[in-house]
Amino acid sequence: MNGIEAQNLLRLLEDTARGIGVQIRYENLFGDDEIGGSRGGLCKLRGQNMILVERRLSPIDQCTIIAEALSTFDLSSIFVSPLVRQIVEKNSRF
């Protein structure tokens, strides 16, 4: 997958998260000199589901984190593109 395709997939995943009311935040999770910090994932902040993503990861790695988080939700109530559905199912931990 090239950079443009990864960026397009990232936007589709972000749209899917918005569709179910989940906010995505891109943050510096590694710290300045830390090696191997958190890459991100699903969390709950003040009762709101949120996906935190390390902003310095490649777009494809960011897609993987978002897809893993989305795989924990029931997406049947919204339209999900076949590509996003495939990526989410592929990245499911269940």
N, C-alpha and C. Protein backbone atom coordinates (compact mmCIF):
# COMPACT_ATOMS: atom_id res chain seq x y z
N MET A 1 0.86 -1.17 0.00
CA MET A 1 0.00 0.00 0.00
C MET A 1 0.91 1.23 0.00
N ASN A 2 0.66 2.15 -0.93
CA ASN A 2 1.49 3.35 -0.98
C ASN A 2 0.94 4.41 -0.03
N GLY A 3 1.66 5.52 0.07
CA GLY A 3 1.31 6.58 1.01
C GLY A 3 -0.05 7.19 0.78
N ILE A 4 -0.40 7.40 -0.48
CA ILE A 4 -1.71 8.00 -0.81
C ILE A 4 -2.83 7.04 -0.44
N GLU A 5 -2.66 5.75 -0.75
CA GLU A 5 -3.68 4.76 -0.40
C GLU A 5 -3.85 4.67 1.11
N ALA A 6 -2.73 4.72 1.84
CA ALA A 6 -2.79 4.66 3.30
C ALA A 6 -3.51 5.89 3.86
N GLN A 7 -3.24 7.06 3.30
CA GLN A 7 -3.92 8.28 3.75
C GLN A 7 -5.42 8.19 3.49
N ASN A 8 -5.80 7.67 2.33
CA ASN A 8 -7.22 7.52 2.01
C ASN A 8 -7.90 6.53 2.96
N LEU A 9 -7.23 5.42 3.26
CA LEU A 9 -7.77 4.44 4.20
C LEU A 9 -7.89 5.06 5.58
N LEU A 10 -6.90 5.85 5.97
CA LEU A 10 -6.94 6.51 7.28
C LEU A 10 -8.18 7.41 7.38
N ARG A 11 -8.47 8.15 6.33
CA ARG A 11 -9.66 9.03 6.33
C ARG A 11 -10.95 8.21 6.42
N LEU A 12 -11.00 7.09 5.72
CA LEU A 12 -12.18 6.22 5.80
C LEU A 12 -12.37 5.65 7.21
N LEU A 13 -11.28 5.26 7.84
CA LEU A 13 -11.36 4.75 9.21
C LEU A 13 -11.79 5.85 10.18
N GLU A 14 -11.27 7.05 9.98
CA GLU A 14 -11.67 8.18 10.82
C GLU A 14 -13.16 8.48 10.66
N ASP A 15 -13.65 8.43 9.41
CA ASP A 15 -15.08 8.65 9.16
C ASP A 15 -15.92 7.58 9.85
N THR A 16 -15.46 6.35 9.83
CA THR A 16 -16.17 5.26 10.48
C THR A 16 -16.24 5.50 11.99
N ALA A 17 -15.12 5.90 12.58
CA ALA A 17 -15.10 6.17 14.02
C ALA A 17 -16.08 7.30 14.36
N ARG A 18 -16.06 8.36 13.57
CA ARG A 18 -17.00 9.47 13.80
C ARG A 18 -18.44 8.99 13.70
N GLY A 19 -18.70 8.07 12.77
CA GLY A 19 -20.04 7.55 12.56
C GLY A 19 -20.61 6.83 13.78
N ILE A 20 -19.74 6.31 14.62
CA ILE A 20 -20.21 5.65 15.85
C ILE A 20 -19.92 6.49 17.08
N GLY A 21 -19.53 7.74 16.87
CA GLY A 21 -19.33 8.66 17.98
C GLY A 21 -18.03 8.50 18.74
N VAL A 22 -17.01 7.96 18.09
CA VAL A 22 -15.72 7.77 18.74
C VAL A 22 -14.74 8.80 18.19
N GLN A 23 -14.17 9.57 19.10
CA GLN A 23 -13.19 10.58 18.72
C GLN A 23 -11.82 9.95 18.56
N ILE A 24 -11.04 10.45 17.61
CA ILE A 24 -9.65 10.02 17.44
C ILE A 24 -8.75 11.21 17.73
N ARG A 25 -7.76 10.98 18.58
CA ARG A 25 -6.79 12.03 18.89
C ARG A 25 -5.40 11.53 18.56
N TYR A 26 -4.66 12.37 17.84
CA TYR A 26 -3.27 12.07 17.49
C TYR A 26 -2.39 12.83 18.46
N GLU A 27 -1.58 12.10 19.21
CA GLU A 27 -0.75 12.69 20.26
C GLU A 27 0.67 12.13 20.16
N ASN A 28 1.61 12.81 20.81
CA ASN A 28 2.96 12.29 20.96
C ASN A 28 2.97 11.39 22.19
N LEU A 29 2.81 10.12 21.97
CA LEU A 29 2.72 9.17 23.08
C LEU A 29 4.07 8.58 23.46
N PHE A 30 5.05 8.65 22.57
CA PHE A 30 6.36 8.06 22.83
C PHE A 30 7.17 8.89 23.82
N GLY A 31 6.94 10.18 23.89
CA GLY A 31 7.83 11.06 24.64
C GLY A 31 9.02 11.41 23.77
N ASP A 32 9.81 12.37 24.20
CA ASP A 32 10.91 12.87 23.37
C ASP A 32 12.06 11.88 23.23
N ASP A 33 12.41 11.21 24.31
CA ASP A 33 13.57 10.32 24.23
C ASP A 33 13.23 8.88 24.60
N GLU A 34 11.96 8.59 24.73
CA GLU A 34 11.52 7.25 25.11
C GLU A 34 11.48 6.34 23.88
N ILE A 35 11.91 5.13 24.05
CA ILE A 35 11.86 4.16 22.97
C ILE A 35 10.82 3.11 23.34
N GLY A 36 9.93 2.83 22.41
CA GLY A 36 8.97 1.76 22.62
C GLY A 36 7.78 2.13 23.49
N GLY A 37 7.41 3.39 23.55
CA GLY A 37 6.24 3.80 24.32
C GLY A 37 4.97 3.30 23.67
N SER A 38 3.86 3.76 24.17
CA SER A 38 2.57 3.33 23.64
C SER A 38 2.36 3.82 22.21
N ARG A 39 1.81 2.94 21.39
CA ARG A 39 1.48 3.30 20.01
C ARG A 39 0.06 3.86 19.95
N GLY A 40 -0.72 3.59 20.99
CA GLY A 40 -2.08 4.09 21.05
C GLY A 40 -3.07 2.95 21.18
N GLY A 41 -4.35 3.32 21.11
CA GLY A 41 -5.41 2.33 21.21
C GLY A 41 -6.66 2.95 21.79
N LEU A 42 -7.62 2.10 22.08
CA LEU A 42 -8.91 2.53 22.59
C LEU A 42 -8.81 2.83 24.08
N CYS A 43 -9.43 3.93 24.49
CA CYS A 43 -9.52 4.25 25.91
C CYS A 43 -10.84 4.95 26.15
N LYS A 44 -11.14 5.16 27.41
CA LYS A 44 -12.36 5.87 27.78
C LYS A 44 -11.95 7.05 28.64
N LEU A 45 -12.37 8.25 28.24
CA LEU A 45 -12.05 9.47 28.96
C LEU A 45 -13.35 10.18 29.30
N ARG A 46 -13.60 10.32 30.60
CA ARG A 46 -14.84 10.94 31.08
C ARG A 46 -16.08 10.30 30.45
N GLY A 47 -16.06 8.99 30.36
CA GLY A 47 -17.19 8.25 29.83
C GLY A 47 -17.30 8.21 28.32
N GLN A 48 -16.38 8.86 27.61
CA GLN A 48 -16.40 8.93 26.15
C GLN A 48 -15.33 8.00 25.57
N ASN A 49 -15.74 7.11 24.65
CA ASN A 49 -14.76 6.28 23.95
C ASN A 49 -13.89 7.14 23.07
N MET A 50 -12.59 6.86 23.09
CA MET A 50 -11.63 7.64 22.31
C MET A 50 -10.52 6.72 21.84
N ILE A 51 -10.02 6.99 20.66
CA ILE A 51 -8.86 6.25 20.16
C ILE A 51 -7.69 7.21 20.14
N LEU A 52 -6.66 6.87 20.90
CA LEU A 52 -5.42 7.66 20.89
C LEU A 52 -4.45 6.99 19.92
N VAL A 53 -3.78 7.82 19.13
CA VAL A 53 -2.86 7.33 18.11
C VAL A 53 -1.56 8.13 18.18
N GLU A 54 -0.44 7.42 18.21
CA GLU A 54 0.86 8.10 18.16
C GLU A 54 0.99 8.81 16.82
N ARG A 55 1.15 10.12 16.89
CA ARG A 55 1.15 10.93 15.67
C ARG A 55 2.36 10.71 14.77
N ARG A 56 3.45 10.19 15.32
CA ARG A 56 4.68 10.02 14.51
C ARG A 56 4.76 8.67 13.82
N LEU A 57 3.74 7.83 13.99
CA LEU A 57 3.72 6.55 13.27
C LEU A 57 3.39 6.78 11.80
N SER A 58 3.72 5.83 10.98
CA SER A 58 3.36 5.89 9.57
C SER A 58 1.85 5.80 9.43
N PRO A 59 1.28 6.31 8.35
CA PRO A 59 -0.17 6.21 8.16
C PRO A 59 -0.68 4.77 8.22
N ILE A 60 0.06 3.82 7.69
CA ILE A 60 -0.41 2.43 7.73
C ILE A 60 -0.44 1.90 9.16
N ASP A 61 0.55 2.27 9.98
CA ASP A 61 0.53 1.86 11.39
C ASP A 61 -0.62 2.54 12.14
N GLN A 62 -0.89 3.79 11.80
CA GLN A 62 -2.03 4.48 12.41
C GLN A 62 -3.33 3.79 12.02
N CYS A 63 -3.43 3.36 10.77
CA CYS A 63 -4.62 2.62 10.31
C CYS A 63 -4.81 1.35 11.13
N THR A 64 -3.73 0.65 11.39
CA THR A 64 -3.80 -0.60 12.15
C THR A 64 -4.34 -0.36 13.55
N ILE A 65 -3.86 0.68 14.21
CA ILE A 65 -4.31 0.99 15.57
C ILE A 65 -5.80 1.32 15.57
N ILE A 66 -6.23 2.14 14.62
CA ILE A 66 -7.64 2.52 14.55
C ILE A 66 -8.51 1.31 14.21
N ALA A 67 -8.06 0.50 13.26
CA ALA A 67 -8.82 -0.69 12.88
C ALA A 67 -8.97 -1.66 14.04
N GLU A 68 -7.90 -1.86 14.81
CA GLU A 68 -7.97 -2.73 15.99
C GLU A 68 -9.00 -2.21 16.98
N ALA A 69 -8.99 -0.90 17.21
CA ALA A 69 -9.95 -0.31 18.15
C ALA A 69 -11.38 -0.44 17.61
N LEU A 70 -11.57 -0.17 16.34
CA LEU A 70 -12.91 -0.26 15.75
C LEU A 70 -13.45 -1.68 15.76
N SER A 71 -12.56 -2.67 15.76
CA SER A 71 -13.01 -4.06 15.74
C SER A 71 -13.74 -4.45 17.03
N THR A 72 -13.65 -3.63 18.06
CA THR A 72 -14.33 -3.93 19.32
C THR A 72 -15.76 -3.39 19.35
N PHE A 73 -16.17 -2.67 18.31
CA PHE A 73 -17.50 -2.06 18.25
C PHE A 73 -18.39 -2.79 17.26
N ASP A 74 -19.69 -2.69 17.50
CA ASP A 74 -20.69 -3.18 16.55
C ASP A 74 -20.88 -2.10 15.50
N LEU A 75 -20.47 -2.36 14.29
CA LEU A 75 -20.53 -1.37 13.21
C LEU A 75 -21.75 -1.58 12.31
N SER A 76 -22.66 -2.44 12.73
CA SER A 76 -23.79 -2.79 11.86
C SER A 76 -24.80 -1.66 11.71
N SER A 77 -24.75 -0.65 12.59
CA SER A 77 -25.75 0.42 12.53
C SER A 77 -25.37 1.54 11.57
N ILE A 78 -24.16 1.48 11.00
CA ILE A 78 -23.73 2.52 10.06
C ILE A 78 -23.19 1.88 8.79
N PHE A 79 -23.13 2.69 7.73
CA PHE A 79 -22.50 2.19 6.50
C PHE A 79 -21.00 2.15 6.71
N VAL A 80 -20.41 1.02 6.37
CA VAL A 80 -18.96 0.87 6.42
C VAL A 80 -18.53 0.35 5.06
N SER A 81 -17.59 1.06 4.44
CA SER A 81 -17.14 0.63 3.11
C SER A 81 -16.57 -0.78 3.20
N PRO A 82 -16.70 -1.54 2.12
CA PRO A 82 -16.16 -2.90 2.14
C PRO A 82 -14.67 -2.96 2.49
N LEU A 83 -13.89 -1.98 2.03
CA LEU A 83 -12.46 -1.96 2.34
C LEU A 83 -12.25 -1.78 3.84
N VAL A 84 -12.96 -0.85 4.46
CA VAL A 84 -12.82 -0.63 5.90
C VAL A 84 -13.28 -1.86 6.66
N ARG A 85 -14.39 -2.45 6.27
CA ARG A 85 -14.88 -3.65 6.95
C ARG A 85 -13.83 -4.76 6.89
N GLN A 86 -13.20 -4.92 5.73
CA GLN A 86 -12.16 -5.95 5.56
C GLN A 86 -10.96 -5.66 6.48
N ILE A 87 -10.52 -4.43 6.52
CA ILE A 87 -9.36 -4.05 7.35
C ILE A 87 -9.68 -4.22 8.83
N VAL A 88 -10.87 -3.80 9.24
CA VAL A 88 -11.27 -3.94 10.63
C VAL A 88 -11.34 -5.41 11.02
N GLU A 89 -11.94 -6.24 10.19
CA GLU A 89 -12.03 -7.67 10.49
C GLU A 89 -10.64 -8.32 10.53
N LYS A 90 -9.77 -7.90 9.64
CA LYS A 90 -8.41 -8.44 9.60
C LYS A 90 -7.64 -8.09 10.88
N ASN A 91 -7.92 -6.92 11.44
CA ASN A 91 -7.19 -6.44 12.62
C ASN A 91 -7.92 -6.74 13.93
N SER A 92 -8.97 -7.54 13.85
CA SER A 92 -9.71 -7.89 15.06
C SER A 92 -8.87 -8.81 15.93
N ARG A 93 -8.91 -8.56 17.22
CA ARG A 93 -8.19 -9.42 18.17
C ARG A 93 -9.07 -10.54 18.67
N PHE A 94 -10.28 -10.64 18.17
CA PHE A 94 -11.23 -11.64 18.66
C PHE A 94 -11.39 -12.75 17.65
